[in-house]
Amino acid sequence: MDDTSDLIESRERLTQLVADSVTSLESKRAYARAVGNFLDWFSTERPSTGFSRATVQSYRTVLIDSRLSSSTVTLNLTAIRRLAAEAADNGFITSEVAAGIARI
């Protein structure tokens, strides 16, 4: 499966699943924004590793290099971890890949 294309094509559905995983309206907005920013970067960069631990670590470096606060970086990574869990639950990546992303 080409998870790069599949993730991009299923962007809206996956973003909604991640946003629905929290109850607060502000958290929903923040998670949706974080997932959207990651998927924008992902679709631009088209990493050869697909949606993987290495890719998320690269994105983490981008966030840190952007001089975001540590809490903002953490929020973004939390949303991406939830994205990985939803992607695994929906057959885009394996549960092993999702588990690797969850440890970042």
PDB file of N, CA and C in Angstrom:
ATOM      1  N   MET A   1       0.846  -1.179   0.000  1.00  0.00           N
ATOM      2  CA  MET A   1       0.000   0.000   0.000  1.00  0.00           C
ATOM      3  C   MET A   1       0.889   1.239   0.000  1.00  0.00           C
ATOM      4  N   ASP A   2       0.543   2.216  -0.802  1.00  0.00           N
ATOM      5  CA  ASP A   2       1.279   3.479  -0.833  1.00  0.00           C
ATOM      6  C   ASP A   2       0.678   4.396   0.220  1.00  0.00           C
ATOM      7  N   ASP A   3       1.218   4.326   1.436  1.00  0.00           N
ATOM      8  CA  ASP A   3       0.622   5.087   2.521  1.00  0.00           C
ATOM      9  C   ASP A   3       0.730   6.589   2.315  1.00  0.00           C
ATOM     10  N   THR A   4       1.714   7.041   1.554  1.00  0.00           N
ATOM     11  CA  THR A   4       1.845   8.469   1.294  1.00  0.00           C
ATOM     12  C   THR A   4       0.612   8.983   0.561  1.00  0.00           C
ATOM     13  N   SER A   5       0.258   8.361  -0.539  1.00  0.00           N
ATOM     14  CA  SER A   5      -0.920   8.778  -1.303  1.00  0.00           C
ATOM     15  C   SER A   5      -2.199   8.543  -0.512  1.00  0.00           C
ATOM     16  N   ASP A   6      -2.289   7.393   0.153  1.00  0.00           N
ATOM     17  CA  ASP A   6      -3.493   7.069   0.909  1.00  0.00           C
ATOM     18  C   ASP A   6      -3.733   8.069   2.030  1.00  0.00           C
ATOM     19  N   LEU A   7      -2.675   8.433   2.742  1.00  0.00           N
ATOM     20  CA  LEU A   7      -2.826   9.409   3.826  1.00  0.00           C
ATOM     21  C   LEU A   7      -3.311  10.747   3.296  1.00  0.00           C
ATOM     22  N   ILE A   8      -2.722  11.189   2.213  1.00  0.00           N
ATOM     23  CA  ILE A   8      -3.091  12.484   1.645  1.00  0.00           C
ATOM     24  C   ILE A   8      -4.534  12.463   1.156  1.00  0.00           C
ATOM     25  N   GLU A   9      -4.916  11.371   0.490  1.00  0.00           N
ATOM     26  CA  GLU A   9      -6.282  11.263  -0.027  1.00  0.00           C
ATOM     27  C   GLU A   9      -7.312  11.172   1.094  1.00  0.00           C
ATOM     28  N   SER A  10      -6.940  10.607   2.227  1.00  0.00           N
ATOM     29  CA  SER A  10      -7.863  10.423   3.346  1.00  0.00           C
ATOM     30  C   SER A  10      -7.690  11.500   4.411  1.00  0.00           C
ATOM     31  N   ARG A  11      -7.083  12.587   4.049  1.00  0.00           N
ATOM     32  CA  ARG A  11      -6.749  13.673   4.967  1.00  0.00           C
ATOM     33  C   ARG A  11      -7.942  14.127   5.811  1.00  0.00           C
ATOM     34  N   GLU A  12      -9.028  14.448   5.169  1.00  0.00           N
ATOM     35  CA  GLU A  12     -10.184  14.990   5.893  1.00  0.00           C
ATOM     36  C   GLU A  12     -10.740  13.976   6.891  1.00  0.00           C
ATOM     37  N   ARG A  13     -10.865  12.742   6.452  1.00  0.00           N
ATOM     38  CA  ARG A  13     -11.403  11.685   7.314  1.00  0.00           C
ATOM     39  C   ARG A  13     -10.500  11.454   8.524  1.00  0.00           C
ATOM     40  N   LEU A  14      -9.192  11.343   8.288  1.00  0.00           N
ATOM     41  CA  LEU A  14      -8.260  11.108   9.389  1.00  0.00           C
ATOM     42  C   LEU A  14      -8.184  12.303  10.334  1.00  0.00           C
ATOM     43  N   THR A  15      -8.217  13.503   9.778  1.00  0.00           N
ATOM     44  CA  THR A  15      -8.191  14.708  10.618  1.00  0.00           C
ATOM     45  C   THR A  15      -9.413  14.727  11.529  1.00  0.00           C
ATOM     46  N   GLN A  16     -10.558  14.377  10.988  1.00  0.00           N
ATOM     47  CA  GLN A  16     -11.793  14.346  11.788  1.00  0.00           C
ATOM     48  C   GLN A  16     -11.712  13.282  12.880  1.00  0.00           C
ATOM     49  N   LEU A  17     -11.160  12.117  12.564  1.00  0.00           N
ATOM     50  CA  LEU A  17     -11.010  11.064  13.562  1.00  0.00           C
ATOM     51  C   LEU A  17     -10.109  11.513  14.713  1.00  0.00           C
ATOM     52  N   VAL A  18      -9.020  12.197  14.381  1.00  0.00           N
ATOM     53  CA  VAL A  18      -8.111  12.695  15.417  1.00  0.00           C
ATOM     54  C   VAL A  18      -8.813  13.766  16.246  1.00  0.00           C
ATOM     55  N   ALA A  19      -9.484  14.700  15.596  1.00  0.00           N
ATOM     56  CA  ALA A  19     -10.187  15.764  16.326  1.00  0.00           C
ATOM     57  C   ALA A  19     -11.273  15.185  17.228  1.00  0.00           C
ATOM     58  N   ASP A  20     -11.931  14.143  16.768  1.00  0.00           N
ATOM     59  CA  ASP A  20     -12.991  13.531  17.568  1.00  0.00           C
ATOM     60  C   ASP A  20     -12.462  12.758  18.767  1.00  0.00           C
ATOM     61  N   SER A  21     -11.153  12.559  18.831  1.00  0.00           N
ATOM     62  CA  SER A  21     -10.578  11.804  19.949  1.00  0.00           C
ATOM     63  C   SER A  21     -10.455  12.646  21.217  1.00  0.00           C
ATOM     64  N   VAL A  22     -10.742  13.940  21.109  1.00  0.00           N
ATOM     65  CA  VAL A  22     -10.723  14.832  22.278  1.00  0.00           C
ATOM     66  C   VAL A  22     -12.079  15.498  22.403  1.00  0.00           C
ATOM     67  N   THR A  23     -12.391  16.002  23.586  1.00  0.00           N
ATOM     68  CA  THR A  23     -13.728  16.566  23.798  1.00  0.00           C
ATOM     69  C   THR A  23     -13.787  18.088  23.719  1.00  0.00           C
ATOM     70  N   SER A  24     -12.757  18.756  24.171  1.00  0.00           N
ATOM     71  CA  SER A  24     -12.751  20.213  24.186  1.00  0.00           C
ATOM     72  C   SER A  24     -12.732  20.772  22.764  1.00  0.00           C
ATOM     73  N   LEU A  25     -13.545  21.790  22.515  1.00  0.00           N
ATOM     74  CA  LEU A  25     -13.588  22.418  21.199  1.00  0.00           C
ATOM     75  C   LEU A  25     -12.230  23.000  20.823  1.00  0.00           C
ATOM     76  N   GLU A  26     -11.556  23.622  21.782  1.00  0.00           N
ATOM     77  CA  GLU A  26     -10.227  24.194  21.499  1.00  0.00           C
ATOM     78  C   GLU A  26      -9.212  23.093  21.191  1.00  0.00           C
ATOM     79  N   SER A  27      -9.291  21.980  21.902  1.00  0.00           N
ATOM     80  CA  SER A  27      -8.403  20.851  21.616  1.00  0.00           C
ATOM     81  C   SER A  27      -8.682  20.278  20.233  1.00  0.00           C
ATOM     82  N   LYS A  28      -9.944  20.184  19.873  1.00  0.00           N
ATOM     83  CA  LYS A  28     -10.307  19.703  18.531  1.00  0.00           C
ATOM     84  C   LYS A  28      -9.669  20.585  17.467  1.00  0.00           C
ATOM     85  N   ARG A  29      -9.774  21.899  17.662  1.00  0.00           N
ATOM     86  CA  ARG A  29      -9.182  22.838  16.702  1.00  0.00           C
ATOM     87  C   ARG A  29      -7.662  22.694  16.646  1.00  0.00           C
ATOM     88  N   ALA A  30      -7.046  22.607  17.816  1.00  0.00           N
ATOM     89  CA  ALA A  30      -5.584  22.511  17.881  1.00  0.00           C
ATOM     90  C   ALA A  30      -5.092  21.217  17.232  1.00  0.00           C
ATOM     91  N   TYR A  31      -5.759  20.108  17.511  1.00  0.00           N
ATOM     92  CA  TYR A  31      -5.354  18.831  16.922  1.00  0.00           C
ATOM     93  C   TYR A  31      -5.566  18.839  15.411  1.00  0.00           C
ATOM     94  N   ALA A  32      -6.702  19.371  14.973  1.00  0.00           N
ATOM     95  CA  ALA A  32      -6.972  19.435  13.530  1.00  0.00           C
ATOM     96  C   ALA A  32      -5.923  20.302  12.835  1.00  0.00           C
ATOM     97  N   ARG A  33      -5.560  21.401  13.466  1.00  0.00           N
ATOM     98  CA  ARG A  33      -4.535  22.285  12.892  1.00  0.00           C
ATOM     99  C   ARG A  33      -3.180  21.572  12.843  1.00  0.00           C
ATOM    100  N   ALA A  34      -2.831  20.884  13.919  1.00  0.00           N
ATOM    101  CA  ALA A  34      -1.551  20.170  13.975  1.00  0.00           C
ATOM    102  C   ALA A  34      -1.490  19.072  12.921  1.00  0.00           C
ATOM    103  N   VAL A  35      -2.567  18.306  12.782  1.00  0.00           N
ATOM    104  CA  VAL A  35      -2.604  17.245  11.773  1.00  0.00           C
ATOM    105  C   VAL A  35      -2.545  17.852  10.378  1.00  0.00           C
ATOM    106  N   GLY A  36      -3.290  18.927  10.165  1.00  0.00           N
ATOM    107  CA  GLY A  36      -3.268  19.599   8.866  1.00  0.00           C
ATOM    108  C   GLY A  36      -1.883  20.103   8.505  1.00  0.00           C
ATOM    109  N   ASN A  37      -1.201  20.711   9.470  1.00  0.00           N
ATOM    110  CA  ASN A  37       0.162  21.203   9.217  1.00  0.00           C
ATOM    111  C   ASN A  37       1.105  20.052   8.890  1.00  0.00           C
ATOM    112  N   PHE A  38       0.974  18.952   9.643  1.00  0.00           N
ATOM    113  CA  PHE A  38       1.826  17.791   9.363  1.00  0.00           C
ATOM    114  C   PHE A  38       1.536  17.237   7.978  1.00  0.00           C
ATOM    115  N   LEU A  39       0.269  17.081   7.626  1.00  0.00           N
ATOM    116  CA  LEU A  39      -0.072  16.513   6.318  1.00  0.00           C
ATOM    117  C   LEU A  39       0.312  17.451   5.175  1.00  0.00           C
ATOM    118  N   ASP A  40       0.265  18.764   5.403  1.00  0.00           N
ATOM    119  CA  ASP A  40       0.773  19.713   4.405  1.00  0.00           C
ATOM    120  C   ASP A  40       2.262  19.465   4.172  1.00  0.00           C
ATOM    121  N   TRP A  41       3.009  19.381   5.262  1.00  0.00           N
ATOM    122  CA  TRP A  41       4.450  19.113   5.168  1.00  0.00           C
ATOM    123  C   TRP A  41       4.688  17.766   4.508  1.00  0.00           C
ATOM    124  N   PHE A  42       3.944  16.760   4.928  1.00  0.00           N
ATOM    125  CA  PHE A  42       4.082  15.403   4.411  1.00  0.00           C
ATOM    126  C   PHE A  42       3.825  15.358   2.904  1.00  0.00           C
ATOM    127  N   SER A  43       2.791  16.051   2.448  1.00  0.00           N
ATOM    128  CA  SER A  43       2.466  16.024   1.015  1.00  0.00           C
ATOM    129  C   SER A  43       3.473  16.826   0.197  1.00  0.00           C
ATOM    130  N   THR A  44       4.088  17.832   0.795  1.00  0.00           N
ATOM    131  CA  THR A  44       5.120  18.609   0.107  1.00  0.00           C
ATOM    132  C   THR A  44       6.434  17.842   0.044  1.00  0.00           C
ATOM    133  N   GLU A  45       6.827  17.274   1.160  1.00  0.00           N
ATOM    134  CA  GLU A  45       8.116  16.583   1.255  1.00  0.00           C
ATOM    135  C   GLU A  45       8.091  15.201   0.611  1.00  0.00           C
ATOM    136  N   ARG A  46       6.945  14.532   0.660  1.00  0.00           N
ATOM    137  CA  ARG A  46       6.824  13.157   0.141  1.00  0.00           C
ATOM    138  C   ARG A  46       8.003  12.298   0.598  1.00  0.00           C
ATOM    139  N   PRO A  47       8.159  12.130   1.919  1.00  0.00           N
ATOM    140  CA  PRO A  47       9.317  11.396   2.428  1.00  0.00           C
ATOM    141  C   PRO A  47       9.367   9.968   1.892  1.00  0.00           C
ATOM    142  N   SER A  48      10.560   9.529   1.555  1.00  0.00           N
ATOM    143  CA  SER A  48      10.726   8.184   0.999  1.00  0.00           C
ATOM    144  C   SER A  48      10.410   7.114   2.031  1.00  0.00           C
ATOM    145  N   THR A  49      10.409   7.484   3.304  1.00  0.00           N
ATOM    146  CA  THR A  49      10.112   6.526   4.365  1.00  0.00           C
ATOM    147  C   THR A  49       8.613   6.398   4.631  1.00  0.00           C
ATOM    148  N   GLY A  50       7.800   7.166   3.887  1.00  0.00           N
ATOM    149  CA  GLY A  50       6.360   7.117   4.124  1.00  0.00           C
ATOM    150  C   GLY A  50       6.023   7.670   5.495  1.00  0.00           C
ATOM    151  N   PHE A  51       4.877   7.267   6.009  1.00  0.00           N
ATOM    152  CA  PHE A  51       4.474   7.700   7.343  1.00  0.00           C
ATOM    153  C   PHE A  51       5.107   6.727   8.323  1.00  0.00           C
ATOM    154  N   SER A  52       6.223   7.138   8.901  1.00  0.00           N
ATOM    155  CA  SER A  52       7.012   6.254   9.748  1.00  0.00           C
ATOM    156  C   SER A  52       7.604   7.041  10.908  1.00  0.00           C
ATOM    157  N   ARG A  53       8.247   6.315  11.793  1.00  0.00           N
ATOM    158  CA  ARG A  53       8.935   6.937  12.922  1.00  0.00           C
ATOM    159  C   ARG A  53       9.992   7.931  12.427  1.00  0.00           C
ATOM    160  N   ALA A  54      10.748   7.535  11.415  1.00  0.00           N
ATOM    161  CA  ALA A  54      11.793   8.417  10.875  1.00  0.00           C
ATOM    162  C   ALA A  54      11.196   9.703  10.312  1.00  0.00           C
ATOM    163  N   THR A  55      10.057   9.583   9.648  1.00  0.00           N
ATOM    164  CA  THR A  55       9.394  10.760   9.083  1.00  0.00           C
ATOM    165  C   THR A  55       8.931  11.698  10.185  1.00  0.00           C
ATOM    166  N   VAL A  56       8.327  11.156  11.219  1.00  0.00           N
ATOM    167  CA  VAL A  56       7.838  11.994  12.317  1.00  0.00           C
ATOM    168  C   VAL A  56       9.015  12.619  13.067  1.00  0.00           C
ATOM    169  N   GLN A  57      10.112  11.903  13.200  1.00  0.00           N
ATOM    170  CA  GLN A  57      11.300  12.497  13.829  1.00  0.00           C
ATOM    171  C   GLN A  57      11.828  13.653  12.984  1.00  0.00           C
ATOM    172  N   SER A  58      11.785  13.509  11.666  1.00  0.00           N
ATOM    173  CA  SER A  58      12.195  14.618  10.783  1.00  0.00           C
ATOM    174  C   SER A  58      11.282  15.815  10.967  1.00  0.00           C
ATOM    175  N   TYR A  59       9.984  15.553  11.068  1.00  0.00           N
ATOM    176  CA  TYR A  59       9.025  16.645  11.266  1.00  0.00           C
ATOM    177  C   TYR A  59       9.229  17.298  12.630  1.00  0.00           C
ATOM    178  N   ARG A  60       9.552  16.503  13.638  1.00  0.00           N
ATOM    179  CA  ARG A  60       9.846  17.050  14.964  1.00  0.00           C
ATOM    180  C   ARG A  60      11.004  18.047  14.875  1.00  0.00           C
ATOM    181  N   THR A  61      12.013  17.696  14.114  1.00  0.00           N
ATOM    182  CA  THR A  61      13.159  18.593  13.914  1.00  0.00           C
ATOM    183  C   THR A  61      12.711  19.887  13.237  1.00  0.00           C
ATOM    184  N   VAL A  62      11.824  19.781  12.261  1.00  0.00           N
ATOM    185  CA  VAL A  62      11.282  20.969  11.586  1.00  0.00           C
ATOM    186  C   VAL A  62      10.568  21.858  12.599  1.00  0.00           C
ATOM    187  N   LEU A  63       9.756  21.255  13.456  1.00  0.00           N
ATOM    188  CA  LEU A  63       9.029  22.033  14.470  1.00  0.00           C
ATOM    189  C   LEU A  63       9.998  22.741  15.411  1.00  0.00           C
ATOM    190  N   ILE A  64      10.995  22.017  15.875  1.00  0.00           N
ATOM    191  CA  ILE A  64      11.971  22.607  16.805  1.00  0.00           C
ATOM    192  C   ILE A  64      12.762  23.712  16.115  1.00  0.00           C
ATOM    193  N   ASP A  65      13.181  23.464  14.862  1.00  0.00           N
ATOM    194  CA  ASP A  65      13.934  24.474  14.112  1.00  0.00           C
ATOM    195  C   ASP A  65      13.096  25.717  13.809  1.00  0.00           C
ATOM    196  N   SER A  66      11.779  25.570  13.862  1.00  0.00           N
ATOM    197  CA  SER A  66      10.880  26.711  13.643  1.00  0.00           C
ATOM    198  C   SER A  66      10.747  27.571  14.896  1.00  0.00           C
ATOM    199  N   ARG A  67      11.471  27.169  15.940  1.00  0.00           N
ATOM    200  CA  ARG A  67      11.494  27.892  17.209  1.00  0.00           C
ATOM    201  C   ARG A  67      10.126  27.954  17.897  1.00  0.00           C
ATOM    202  N   LEU A  68       9.357  26.882  17.725  1.00  0.00           N
ATOM    203  CA  LEU A  68       8.093  26.783  18.442  1.00  0.00           C
ATOM    204  C   LEU A  68       8.391  26.454  19.897  1.00  0.00           C
ATOM    205  N   SER A  69       7.481  26.825  20.781  1.00  0.00           N
ATOM    206  CA  SER A  69       7.673  26.503  22.200  1.00  0.00           C
ATOM    207  C   SER A  69       7.615  24.990  22.381  1.00  0.00           C
ATOM    208  N   SER A  70       8.192  24.528  23.463  1.00  0.00           N
ATOM    209  CA  SER A  70       8.189  23.086  23.712  1.00  0.00           C
ATOM    210  C   SER A  70       6.768  22.560  23.870  1.00  0.00           C
ATOM    211  N   SER A  71       5.875  23.356  24.448  1.00  0.00           N
ATOM    212  CA  SER A  71       4.483  22.902  24.594  1.00  0.00           C
ATOM    213  C   SER A  71       3.789  22.797  23.241  1.00  0.00           C
ATOM    214  N   THR A  72       4.118  23.676  22.315  1.00  0.00           N
ATOM    215  CA  THR A  72       3.535  23.602  20.979  1.00  0.00           C
ATOM    216  C   THR A  72       4.065  22.390  20.226  1.00  0.00           C
ATOM    217  N   VAL A  73       5.346  22.122  20.359  1.00  0.00           N
ATOM    218  CA  VAL A  73       5.938  20.931  19.741  1.00  0.00           C
ATOM    219  C   VAL A  73       5.270  19.690  20.319  1.00  0.00           C
ATOM    220  N   THR A  74       5.103  19.648  21.627  1.00  0.00           N
ATOM    221  CA  THR A  74       4.466  18.507  22.282  1.00  0.00           C
ATOM    222  C   THR A  74       3.037  18.319  21.804  1.00  0.00           C
ATOM    223  N   LEU A  75       2.277  19.399  21.712  1.00  0.00           N
ATOM    224  CA  LEU A  75       0.900  19.305  21.223  1.00  0.00           C
ATOM    225  C   LEU A  75       0.870  18.735  19.812  1.00  0.00           C
ATOM    226  N   ASN A  76       1.749  19.229  18.942  1.00  0.00           N
ATOM    227  CA  ASN A  76       1.804  18.733  17.563  1.00  0.00           C
ATOM    228  C   ASN A  76       2.144  17.253  17.524  1.00  0.00           C
ATOM    229  N   LEU A  77       3.105  16.841  18.319  1.00  0.00           N
ATOM    230  CA  LEU A  77       3.500  15.427  18.325  1.00  0.00           C
ATOM    231  C   LEU A  77       2.403  14.544  18.908  1.00  0.00           C
ATOM    232  N   THR A  78       1.685  15.051  19.892  1.00  0.00           N
ATOM    233  CA  THR A  78       0.568  14.284  20.444  1.00  0.00           C
ATOM    234  C   THR A  78      -0.503  14.062  19.385  1.00  0.00           C
ATOM    235  N   ALA A  79      -0.811  15.096  18.623  1.00  0.00           N
ATOM    236  CA  ALA A  79      -1.795  14.963  17.546  1.00  0.00           C
ATOM    237  C   ALA A  79      -1.306  13.976  16.484  1.00  0.00           C
ATOM    238  N   ILE A  80      -0.019  14.003  16.185  1.00  0.00           N
ATOM    239  CA  ILE A  80       0.537  13.083  15.177  1.00  0.00           C
ATOM    240  C   ILE A  80       0.528  11.646  15.707  1.00  0.00           C
ATOM    241  N   ARG A  81       0.756  11.475  16.991  1.00  0.00           N
ATOM    242  CA  ARG A  81       0.654  10.132  17.586  1.00  0.00           C
ATOM    243  C   ARG A  81      -0.771   9.601  17.432  1.00  0.00           C
ATOM    244  N   ARG A  82      -1.736  10.464  17.676  1.00  0.00           N
ATOM    245  CA  ARG A  82      -3.140  10.052  17.504  1.00  0.00           C
ATOM    246  C   ARG A  82      -3.440   9.772  16.035  1.00  0.00           C
ATOM    247  N   LEU A  83      -2.850  10.560  15.153  1.00  0.00           N
ATOM    248  CA  LEU A  83      -2.995  10.304  13.719  1.00  0.00           C
ATOM    249  C   LEU A  83      -2.446   8.923  13.384  1.00  0.00           C
ATOM    250  N   ALA A  84      -1.298   8.577  13.946  1.00  0.00           N
ATOM    251  CA  ALA A  84      -0.703   7.259  13.692  1.00  0.00           C
ATOM    252  C   ALA A  84      -1.626   6.148  14.185  1.00  0.00           C
ATOM    253  N   ALA A  85      -2.209   6.339  15.364  1.00  0.00           N
ATOM    254  CA  ALA A  85      -3.124   5.325  15.898  1.00  0.00           C
ATOM    255  C   ALA A  85      -4.338   5.164  14.990  1.00  0.00           C
ATOM    256  N   GLU A  86      -4.905   6.284  14.528  1.00  0.00           N
ATOM    257  CA  GLU A  86      -6.060   6.220  13.626  1.00  0.00           C
ATOM    258  C   GLU A  86      -5.670   5.614  12.278  1.00  0.00           C
ATOM    259  N   ALA A  87      -4.483   5.960  11.796  1.00  0.00           N
ATOM    260  CA  ALA A  87      -4.015   5.409  10.521  1.00  0.00           C
ATOM    261  C   ALA A  87      -3.857   3.894  10.634  1.00  0.00           C
ATOM    262  N   ALA A  88      -3.354   3.427  11.763  1.00  0.00           N
ATOM    263  CA  ALA A  88      -3.213   1.979  11.970  1.00  0.00           C
ATOM    264  C   ALA A  88      -4.588   1.324  12.076  1.00  0.00           C
ATOM    265  N   ASP A  89      -5.473   1.935  12.841  1.00  0.00           N
ATOM    266  CA  ASP A  89      -6.818   1.373  13.013  1.00  0.00           C
ATOM    267  C   ASP A  89      -7.587   1.307  11.701  1.00  0.00           C
ATOM    268  N   ASN A  90      -7.213   2.163  10.750  1.00  0.00           N
ATOM    269  CA  ASN A  90      -7.917   2.219   9.467  1.00  0.00           C
ATOM    270  C   ASN A  90      -7.114   1.603   8.321  1.00  0.00           C
ATOM    271  N   GLY A  91      -6.052   0.888   8.649  1.00  0.00           N
ATOM    272  CA  GLY A  91      -5.326   0.108   7.658  1.00  0.00           C
ATOM    273  C   GLY A  91      -4.339   0.850   6.774  1.00  0.00           C
ATOM    274  N   PHE A  92      -3.962   2.073   7.152  1.00  0.00           N
ATOM    275  CA  PHE A  92      -2.997   2.833   6.351  1.00  0.00           C
ATOM    276  C   PHE A  92      -1.564   2.459   6.684  1.00  0.00           C
ATOM    277  N   ILE A  93      -1.323   2.123   7.960  1.00  0.00           N
ATOM    278  CA  ILE A  93      -0.002   1.688   8.415  1.00  0.00           C
ATOM    279  C   ILE A  93      -0.203   0.508   9.356  1.00  0.00           C
ATOM    280  N   THR A  94       0.866  -0.200   9.626  1.00  0.00           N
ATOM    281  CA  THR A  94       0.776  -1.327  10.557  1.00  0.00           C
ATOM    282  C   THR A  94       0.761  -0.827  11.996  1.00  0.00           C
ATOM    283  N   SER A  95       0.288  -1.667  12.883  1.00  0.00           N
ATOM    284  CA  SER A  95       0.280  -1.295  14.297  1.00  0.00           C
ATOM    285  C   SER A  95       1.703  -1.160  14.834  1.00  0.00           C
ATOM    286  N   GLU A  96       2.652  -1.898  14.236  1.00  0.00           N
ATOM    287  CA  GLU A  96       4.045  -1.785  14.650  1.00  0.00           C
ATOM    288  C   GLU A  96       4.610  -0.401  14.313  1.00  0.00           C
ATOM    289  N   VAL A  97       4.280   0.108  13.123  1.00  0.00           N
ATOM    290  CA  VAL A  97       4.727   1.453  12.733  1.00  0.00           C
ATOM    291  C   VAL A  97       4.094   2.489  13.654  1.00  0.00           C
ATOM    292  N   ALA A  98       2.812   2.333  13.927  1.00  0.00           N
ATOM    293  CA  ALA A  98       2.120   3.262  14.829  1.00  0.00           C
ATOM    294  C   ALA A  98       2.751   3.237  16.216  1.00  0.00           C
ATOM    295  N   ALA A  99       3.121   2.057  16.686  1.00  0.00           N
ATOM    296  CA  ALA A  99       3.756   1.947  18.001  1.00  0.00           C
ATOM    297  C   ALA A  99       5.103   2.663  18.022  1.00  0.00           C
ATOM    298  N   GLY A 100       5.845   2.565  16.922  1.00  0.00           N
ATOM    299  CA  GLY A 100       7.109   3.276  16.829  1.00  0.00           C
ATOM    300  C   GLY A 100       6.920   4.785  16.875  1.00  0.00           C
ATOM    301  N   ILE A 101       5.907   5.259  16.182  1.00  0.00           N
ATOM    302  CA  ILE A 101       5.599   6.696  16.192  1.00  0.00           C
ATOM    303  C   ILE A 101       5.152   7.126  17.589  1.00  0.00           C
ATOM    304  N   ALA A 102       4.402   6.277  18.263  1.00  0.00           N
ATOM    305  CA  ALA A 102       3.909   6.606  19.604  1.00  0.00           C
ATOM    306  C   ALA A 102       5.035   6.812  20.598  1.00  0.00           C
ATOM    307  N   ARG A 103       6.197   6.225  20.349  1.00  0.00           N
ATOM    308  CA  ARG A 103       7.330   6.362  21.285  1.00  0.00           C
ATOM    309  C   ARG A 103       8.144   7.633  21.058  1.00  0.00           C
ATOM    310  N   ILE A 104       7.786   8.432  20.078  1.00  0.00           N
ATOM    311  CA  ILE A 104       8.538   9.672  19.824  1.00  0.00           C
ATOM    312  C   ILE A 104       8.135  10.711  20.853  1.00  0.00           C
TER     313      ILE A 104
END
